[in-house]
């Protein structure tokens, strides 16, 4: 089946037990055994739940993976992935990652004996020089949050295979509609399903897609052991969102292109970051490995911090909010919101200025969005 059909029909649909077209919410903590030691395939909802299973199967098929696993949040998914490692292991992480991921890697996991190196994943020599005898994993975001840097996945996978390293890609920004990392040999794909997969700002969640029987078994064990699983109703909300993912992503991209082009030509804008623009340094790689460029545009207005604050306060259609990927357009100031866990020195080091604004371009009429940006940029 093709992507649009999988988004609507993957998993146990219609429901085998009732014929329900809409996946039922199996809002139960436990299931009756048929006999001692014998179940109907379900025993306790932390381990597995029929609603969650449909979501997991759907995401796995959309990504082209072996199995999917749904978690309570994106950070729960990432934390569970980290438990594939053991004390003394070393992870090479992209440096310009989501602030919550950076906090987990920099502040939390080292207490459990994991070691992290943060670097820009745009140079083969730099990556290989960072590999140590205890290196076990490469962690990537492409496009990155919020600088929208593009990683050459073929290059990184080639390095990983040469050194027998696990590759993990956070595919939240692109979604499997625009990018399928597993087709390039990536081992694990991670999502914050809060964002585009759900798309309606009414649930938080996460997902991991595996590619082998061994990694699938490990992930199932960890999900159950750690209790990081998603709840049935939350899974149902994400499933509902995924059914319209293809049509939403097309419109997100169309609107984002228009916004990026408008900002690029505005005299009060210093810098625009959008991989769909030919001026973007990762444009050619993105065009080669992605089907499209998604809906996030980052930029820097003139006027320094005061210019940033004035712009954000004047917005009327865009909401100042710390998320992305919703039908509603959102504006965010990474330095004080999503990336405030990074020190000012570290943000400067990776190129994340205090003047950067991240726009999650929604599905409103694009003329209304541009008019909102225009009036907010007027001094």
Protein backbone atom coordinates (compact mmCIF):
# COMPACT_ATOMS: atom_id res chain seq x y z
CA UNK A 1 0.00 0.00 0.00
CA UNK A 2 1.07 3.59 -0.61
CA UNK A 3 1.69 6.12 2.15
CA UNK A 4 -1.75 7.76 2.13
CA UNK A 5 -3.49 4.37 2.32
CA UNK A 6 -1.22 3.06 5.07
CA UNK A 7 -1.98 6.14 7.18
CA UNK A 8 -5.66 5.21 7.15
CA UNK A 9 -5.66 1.40 6.96
CA UNK A 10 -2.55 0.07 8.75
CA UNK A 11 -2.87 -2.22 11.73
CA UNK A 12 -5.96 -4.07 12.89
CA UNK A 13 -8.53 -1.95 11.02
CA UNK A 14 -11.48 -2.27 10.90
CA UNK A 15 -11.44 -3.61 14.44
CA UNK A 16 -11.44 -7.42 14.25
CA UNK A 17 -13.66 -7.83 17.30
CA UNK A 18 -16.45 -5.43 16.34
CA UNK A 19 -15.91 -4.23 12.78
CA UNK A 20 -15.57 -0.65 14.02
CA UNK A 21 -14.07 1.63 11.35
CA UNK A 22 -12.67 4.02 13.95
CA UNK A 23 -10.15 2.21 16.11
CA UNK A 24 -11.77 1.58 19.52
CA UNK A 25 -10.19 3.06 22.63
CA UNK A 26 -9.47 0.02 24.77
CA UNK A 27 -9.49 2.02 27.98
CA UNK A 28 -8.61 -0.85 30.27
CA UNK A 29 -5.69 -1.57 32.54
CA UNK A 30 -6.02 -5.33 32.49
CA UNK A 31 -7.53 -8.22 30.49
CA UNK A 32 -9.27 -11.42 31.57
CA UNK A 33 -7.27 -14.62 31.12
CA UNK A 34 -9.01 -17.48 29.30
CA UNK A 35 -7.34 -19.99 31.59
CA UNK A 36 -4.32 -20.22 33.85
CA UNK A 37 -1.38 -19.08 31.73
CA UNK A 38 -3.60 -18.48 28.68
CA UNK A 39 -4.66 -15.07 27.32
CA UNK A 40 -6.30 -13.76 24.16
CA UNK A 41 -3.04 -12.01 23.38
CA UNK A 42 -3.40 -9.26 25.95
CA UNK A 43 -2.81 -9.28 29.70
CA UNK A 44 -1.86 -5.81 31.00
CA UNK A 45 -1.92 -2.47 29.18
CA UNK A 46 1.57 -1.42 30.20
CA UNK A 47 2.95 -4.34 28.19
CA UNK A 48 0.53 -4.04 25.27
CA UNK A 49 -2.86 -2.59 24.42
CA UNK A 50 -4.97 -3.10 21.25
CA UNK A 51 -5.35 0.64 20.59
CA UNK A 52 -1.66 1.24 21.08
CA UNK A 53 -0.80 -1.72 18.86
CA UNK A 54 -2.64 -0.18 15.89
CA UNK A 55 -0.71 3.07 16.35
CA UNK A 56 2.58 1.22 16.68
CA UNK A 57 1.93 -0.86 13.57
CA UNK A 58 0.89 2.24 11.63
CA UNK A 59 4.02 4.24 12.49
CA UNK A 60 6.24 1.23 11.77
CA UNK A 61 4.70 0.79 8.32
CA UNK A 62 4.91 4.49 7.53
CA UNK A 63 8.62 4.49 8.40
CA UNK A 64 9.29 1.17 6.67
CA UNK A 65 10.54 -0.45 9.88
CA UNK A 66 10.22 -3.79 11.63
CA UNK A 67 8.14 -2.72 14.64
CA UNK A 68 6.84 0.42 16.32
CA UNK A 69 6.55 1.37 19.98
CA UNK A 70 4.45 4.20 21.42
CA UNK A 71 5.53 6.14 24.48
CA UNK A 72 4.01 8.65 26.88
CA UNK A 73 6.16 11.50 25.52
CA UNK A 74 8.93 12.05 23.04
CA UNK A 75 11.39 12.29 25.94
CA UNK A 76 10.08 8.96 27.30
CA UNK A 77 10.90 7.44 23.92
CA UNK A 78 14.41 8.93 23.95
CA UNK A 79 15.04 7.85 27.54
CA UNK A 80 14.02 4.31 26.66
CA UNK A 81 16.39 4.26 23.68
CA UNK A 82 19.24 5.32 25.99
CA UNK A 83 18.60 2.17 28.02
CA UNK A 84 19.82 0.11 25.07
CA UNK A 85 23.26 1.26 26.22
CA UNK A 86 25.25 0.36 29.32
CA UNK A 87 27.55 2.15 31.74
CA UNK A 88 30.74 3.22 30.00
CA UNK A 89 29.24 3.53 26.53
CA UNK A 90 29.90 6.62 24.44
CA UNK A 91 27.39 8.45 22.23
CA UNK A 92 28.22 10.95 19.50
CA UNK A 93 25.33 13.36 19.24
CA UNK A 94 24.65 16.13 16.81
CA UNK A 95 25.34 19.40 18.59
CA UNK A 96 22.34 21.46 17.41
CA UNK A 97 19.63 19.19 18.80
CA UNK A 98 16.35 19.83 20.60
CA UNK A 99 16.96 21.39 24.00
CA UNK A 100 15.17 18.61 25.87
CA UNK A 101 17.36 16.00 24.20
CA UNK A 102 20.46 18.01 25.03
CA UNK A 103 19.36 18.25 28.69
CA UNK A 104 18.84 14.46 28.83
CA UNK A 105 22.26 13.80 27.31
CA UNK A 106 24.21 16.52 29.08
CA UNK A 107 22.66 16.54 32.56
CA UNK A 108 20.82 13.26 33.19
CA UNK A 109 22.35 10.25 31.47
CA UNK A 110 26.01 10.91 32.46
CA UNK A 111 24.98 10.15 36.05
CA UNK A 112 24.29 6.60 34.84
CA UNK A 113 27.73 6.26 33.27
CA UNK A 114 27.05 7.27 29.66
CA UNK A 115 29.47 9.59 27.89
CA UNK A 116 28.47 12.10 25.21
CA UNK A 117 30.31 14.08 22.57
CA UNK A 118 28.42 16.84 20.75
CA UNK A 119 29.51 17.86 17.26
CA UNK A 120 28.23 19.10 13.92
CA UNK A 121 27.48 16.08 11.73
CA UNK A 122 28.56 17.60 8.43
CA UNK A 123 32.10 16.29 8.05
CA UNK A 124 33.21 12.66 7.76
CA UNK A 125 36.67 13.27 9.18
CA UNK A 126 35.29 15.14 12.21
CA UNK A 127 32.85 12.33 13.01
CA UNK A 128 35.41 9.56 12.62
CA UNK A 129 37.96 11.40 14.75
CA UNK A 130 35.36 11.56 17.56
CA UNK A 131 34.81 7.79 17.56
CA UNK A 132 36.34 6.00 20.56
CA UNK A 133 36.71 2.31 21.43
CA UNK A 134 33.60 2.65 23.64
CA UNK A 135 31.47 4.54 21.08
CA UNK A 136 28.19 2.72 20.50
CA UNK A 137 25.70 5.19 19.00
CA UNK A 138 25.34 8.14 16.62
CA UNK A 139 22.34 10.39 17.38
CA UNK A 140 21.00 12.67 14.64
CA UNK A 141 18.31 15.22 13.86
CA UNK A 142 17.66 16.23 10.27
CA UNK A 143 16.40 18.88 9.81
CA UNK A 144 17.75 19.94 13.20
CA UNK A 145 15.81 21.90 15.81
CA UNK A 146 15.78 24.91 15.38
CA UNK A 147 18.69 25.62 13.00
CA UNK A 148 17.31 23.27 10.33
CA UNK A 149 20.72 21.87 9.51
CA UNK A 150 20.68 18.86 7.18
CA UNK A 151 22.70 15.71 7.80
CA UNK A 152 23.91 13.56 4.90
CA UNK A 153 22.39 10.29 6.11
CA UNK A 154 24.20 8.13 3.55
CA UNK A 155 27.54 9.43 4.79
CA UNK A 156 26.70 8.90 8.47
CA UNK A 157 25.30 5.40 7.92
CA UNK A 158 28.44 4.48 5.99
CA UNK A 159 30.57 5.62 8.95
CA UNK A 160 28.34 3.76 11.40
CA UNK A 161 28.52 0.49 9.50
CA UNK A 162 32.28 0.76 9.17
CA UNK A 163 32.62 1.15 12.95
CA UNK A 164 29.63 -1.06 13.93
CA UNK A 165 27.69 1.78 15.57
CA UNK A 166 23.95 2.11 16.16
CA UNK A 167 22.34 5.02 14.28
CA UNK A 168 19.32 6.87 15.66
CA UNK A 169 17.47 9.61 13.77
CA UNK A 170 14.88 11.93 15.30
CA UNK A 171 12.47 12.29 12.37
CA UNK A 172 9.98 14.59 14.12
CA UNK A 173 10.51 17.59 11.81
CA UNK A 174 10.37 15.81 8.46
CA UNK A 175 7.95 12.97 9.33
CA UNK A 176 7.97 9.78 7.24
CA UNK A 177 5.91 11.60 4.63
CA UNK A 178 8.95 13.67 3.64
CA UNK A 179 11.82 11.48 4.85
CA UNK A 180 12.29 7.76 5.60
CA UNK A 181 15.70 7.31 7.27
CA UNK A 182 15.37 3.52 7.44
CA UNK A 183 15.58 3.38 3.64
CA UNK A 184 19.12 4.76 4.02
CA UNK A 185 20.13 2.13 6.57
CA UNK A 186 19.35 3.89 9.86
CA UNK A 187 18.78 1.48 12.78
CA UNK A 188 16.22 3.36 14.90
CA UNK A 189 13.83 6.24 14.21
CA UNK A 190 12.46 8.39 17.03
CA UNK A 191 9.46 10.72 17.01
CA UNK A 192 7.74 13.18 19.23
CA UNK A 193 4.24 12.21 18.13
CA UNK A 194 3.08 15.37 19.90
CA UNK A 195 4.12 17.26 16.80
CA UNK A 196 3.21 16.56 13.16
CA UNK A 197 2.02 12.97 13.57
CA UNK A 198 -0.74 14.11 15.90
CA UNK A 199 -0.88 17.64 14.57
CA UNK A 200 -3.71 19.04 16.68
CA UNK A 201 -2.07 20.25 19.93
CA UNK A 202 -4.17 17.97 22.10
CA UNK A 203 -1.80 15.22 23.24
CA UNK A 204 1.85 14.50 24.03
CA UNK A 205 3.50 11.28 22.95
CA UNK A 206 6.54 9.60 21.45
CA UNK A 207 7.46 6.68 19.24
CA UNK A 208 10.41 4.49 18.29
CA UNK A 209 10.63 2.38 15.14
CA UNK A 210 13.05 -0.55 15.08
CA UNK A 211 14.55 -2.43 12.14
CA UNK A 212 15.54 -5.88 13.45
CA UNK A 213 14.00 -8.65 15.53
CA UNK A 214 16.69 -8.16 18.17
CA UNK A 215 16.13 -4.41 18.58
CA UNK A 216 12.35 -4.95 18.56
CA UNK A 217 12.56 -7.46 21.38
CA UNK A 218 14.82 -5.18 23.40
CA UNK A 219 12.55 -2.18 22.90
CA UNK A 220 9.44 -4.14 23.93
CA UNK A 221 11.24 -5.38 27.04
CA UNK A 222 12.40 -1.87 27.99
CA UNK A 223 9.01 -0.27 27.35
CA UNK A 224 7.36 -2.77 29.69
CA UNK A 225 10.14 -2.73 32.28
CA UNK A 226 10.40 1.07 32.45
CA UNK A 227 6.67 1.73 32.10
CA UNK A 228 7.23 4.48 29.53
CA UNK A 229 4.27 3.41 27.37
CA UNK A 230 1.59 5.67 25.91
CA UNK A 231 -1.98 5.55 27.20
CA UNK A 232 -4.82 4.18 24.99
CA UNK A 233 -6.68 7.47 24.58
CA UNK A 234 -3.46 9.30 23.71
CA UNK A 235 -2.72 6.65 21.09
CA UNK A 236 -6.19 7.08 19.62
CA UNK A 237 -5.64 10.83 19.30
CA UNK A 238 -2.35 10.32 17.46
CA UNK A 239 -3.97 7.73 15.19
CA UNK A 240 -6.72 10.20 14.33
CA UNK A 241 -4.07 12.77 13.44
CA UNK A 242 -2.02 10.41 11.28
CA UNK A 243 -4.99 9.75 9.02
CA UNK A 244 -4.67 13.31 7.66
CA UNK A 245 -0.85 13.51 7.86
CA UNK A 246 -0.25 13.42 4.07
CA UNK A 247 -2.64 16.25 3.25
CA UNK A 248 -1.47 18.29 6.23
CA UNK A 249 2.21 17.95 5.38
CA UNK A 250 1.63 19.11 1.81
CA UNK A 251 -0.07 22.26 3.06
CA UNK A 252 2.47 22.86 5.83
CA UNK A 253 5.22 22.79 3.22
CA UNK A 254 3.37 25.01 0.75
CA UNK A 255 2.69 27.62 3.44
CA UNK A 256 6.24 27.40 4.81
CA UNK A 257 7.73 27.98 1.37
CA UNK A 258 5.62 31.12 0.99
CA UNK A 259 6.59 32.39 4.45
CA UNK A 260 10.30 31.65 3.89
CA UNK A 261 10.32 33.44 0.56
CA UNK A 262 8.52 36.44 2.06
CA UNK A 263 10.99 36.67 4.95
CA UNK A 264 13.96 36.26 2.59
CA UNK A 265 12.99 39.43 0.76
CA UNK A 266 12.08 41.52 3.81
CA UNK A 267 14.40 44.44 4.63
CA UNK A 268 13.97 43.93 8.39
CA UNK A 269 15.06 40.28 8.33
CA UNK A 270 18.76 39.42 8.70
CA UNK A 271 18.72 35.66 8.14
CA UNK A 272 16.22 33.00 7.03
CA UNK A 273 16.70 29.28 7.57
CA UNK A 274 14.57 26.88 5.52
CA UNK A 275 16.00 23.83 3.70
CA UNK A 276 13.66 24.40 0.77
CA UNK A 277 15.48 27.61 -0.12
CA UNK A 278 18.34 27.22 -2.59
CA UNK A 279 20.38 29.55 -0.37
CA UNK A 280 20.23 27.02 2.50
CA UNK A 281 23.61 25.31 2.83
CA UNK A 282 21.98 21.87 3.16
CA UNK A 283 19.51 22.35 0.32
CA UNK A 284 21.11 19.94 -2.15
CA UNK A 285 21.42 17.14 0.42
CA UNK A 286 17.85 17.73 1.59
CA UNK A 287 16.58 17.66 -1.98
CA UNK A 288 18.43 14.38 -2.59
CA UNK A 289 17.26 12.47 0.48
CA UNK A 290 13.89 14.05 1.26
CA UNK A 291 10.59 14.19 -0.58
CA UNK A 292 9.90 17.69 0.77
CA UNK A 293 11.04 20.27 3.31
CA UNK A 294 8.22 20.35 5.92
CA UNK A 295 6.83 23.36 7.73
CA UNK A 296 9.43 24.92 10.05
CA UNK A 297 11.06 28.26 9.20
CA UNK A 298 13.59 29.95 11.46
CA UNK A 299 14.76 33.54 11.07
CA UNK A 300 16.41 36.51 12.74
CA UNK A 301 14.75 39.95 12.57
CA UNK A 302 16.60 43.24 12.73
CA UNK A 303 16.68 45.10 16.03
CA UNK A 304 18.36 42.61 18.35
CA UNK A 305 16.53 41.18 21.36
CA UNK A 306 14.17 44.13 21.46
CA UNK A 307 13.26 43.44 17.84
CA UNK A 308 12.57 39.80 18.71
CA UNK A 309 10.40 40.70 21.70
CA UNK A 310 8.46 43.30 19.75
CA UNK A 311 7.80 40.87 16.91
CA UNK A 312 6.60 38.09 19.21
CA UNK A 313 4.34 40.43 21.20
CA UNK A 314 2.69 41.85 18.08
CA UNK A 315 1.74 38.53 16.49
CA UNK A 316 -1.99 37.90 16.24
CA UNK A 317 -2.42 34.72 14.18
CA UNK A 318 0.81 33.00 15.21
CA UNK A 319 0.63 31.96 18.87
CA UNK A 320 3.70 32.25 21.09
CA UNK A 321 3.96 28.64 22.25
CA UNK A 322 6.61 26.01 22.84
CA UNK A 323 5.69 23.33 20.35
CA UNK A 324 5.41 22.76 16.61
CA UNK A 325 3.70 20.72 13.93
CA UNK A 326 0.14 21.75 14.76
CA UNK A 327 -2.58 22.94 12.42
CA UNK A 328 -2.24 26.23 14.31
CA UNK A 329 0.74 28.41 13.45
CA UNK A 330 3.14 28.84 16.35
CA UNK A 331 6.09 31.12 17.03
CA UNK A 332 8.81 30.24 19.50
CA UNK A 333 11.94 31.88 20.90
CA UNK A 334 14.35 28.94 21.34
CA UNK A 335 16.81 30.76 23.62
CA UNK A 336 14.17 31.27 26.31
CA UNK A 337 11.88 28.35 25.53
CA UNK A 338 12.80 25.04 23.87
CA UNK A 339 16.57 25.52 24.23
CA UNK A 340 16.85 27.37 27.53
CA UNK A 341 18.50 24.24 29.00
CA UNK A 342 21.55 25.05 26.88
CA UNK A 343 23.96 27.59 28.33
CA UNK A 344 24.35 30.88 26.44
CA UNK A 345 27.93 29.91 25.60
CA UNK A 346 26.86 26.55 24.18
CA UNK A 347 24.07 28.14 22.13
CA UNK A 348 26.56 30.60 20.67
CA UNK A 349 28.97 27.76 19.94
CA UNK A 350 26.41 25.86 17.84
CA UNK A 351 25.16 29.00 16.10
CA UNK A 352 21.86 29.42 17.94
CA UNK A 353 21.64 33.15 18.52
CA UNK A 354 19.37 34.82 21.05
CA UNK A 355 17.76 36.64 18.10
CA UNK A 356 16.55 33.43 16.40
CA UNK A 357 12.79 32.87 16.09
CA UNK A 358 11.32 29.51 15.08
CA UNK A 359 8.04 29.52 13.19
CA UNK A 360 5.89 26.41 12.93
CA UNK A 361 3.84 27.33 9.89
CA UNK A 362 0.31 25.98 10.22
CA UNK A 363 -2.64 25.45 7.93
CA UNK A 364 -4.28 28.86 8.05
CA UNK A 365 -4.66 30.88 4.86
CA UNK A 366 -1.10 31.76 3.92
CA UNK A 367 -2.02 35.37 3.09
CA UNK A 368 -3.24 35.80 6.67
CA UNK A 369 0.02 34.35 7.97
CA UNK A 370 2.16 36.67 5.85
CA UNK A 371 0.06 39.68 6.79
CA UNK A 372 0.50 38.77 10.46
CA UNK A 373 4.28 38.56 10.04
CA UNK A 374 4.30 41.81 8.06
CA UNK A 375 2.47 43.81 10.72
CA UNK A 376 4.64 42.31 13.47
CA UNK A 377 7.83 43.37 11.66
CA UNK A 378 6.73 46.98 11.32
CA UNK A 379 8.57 49.19 13.79
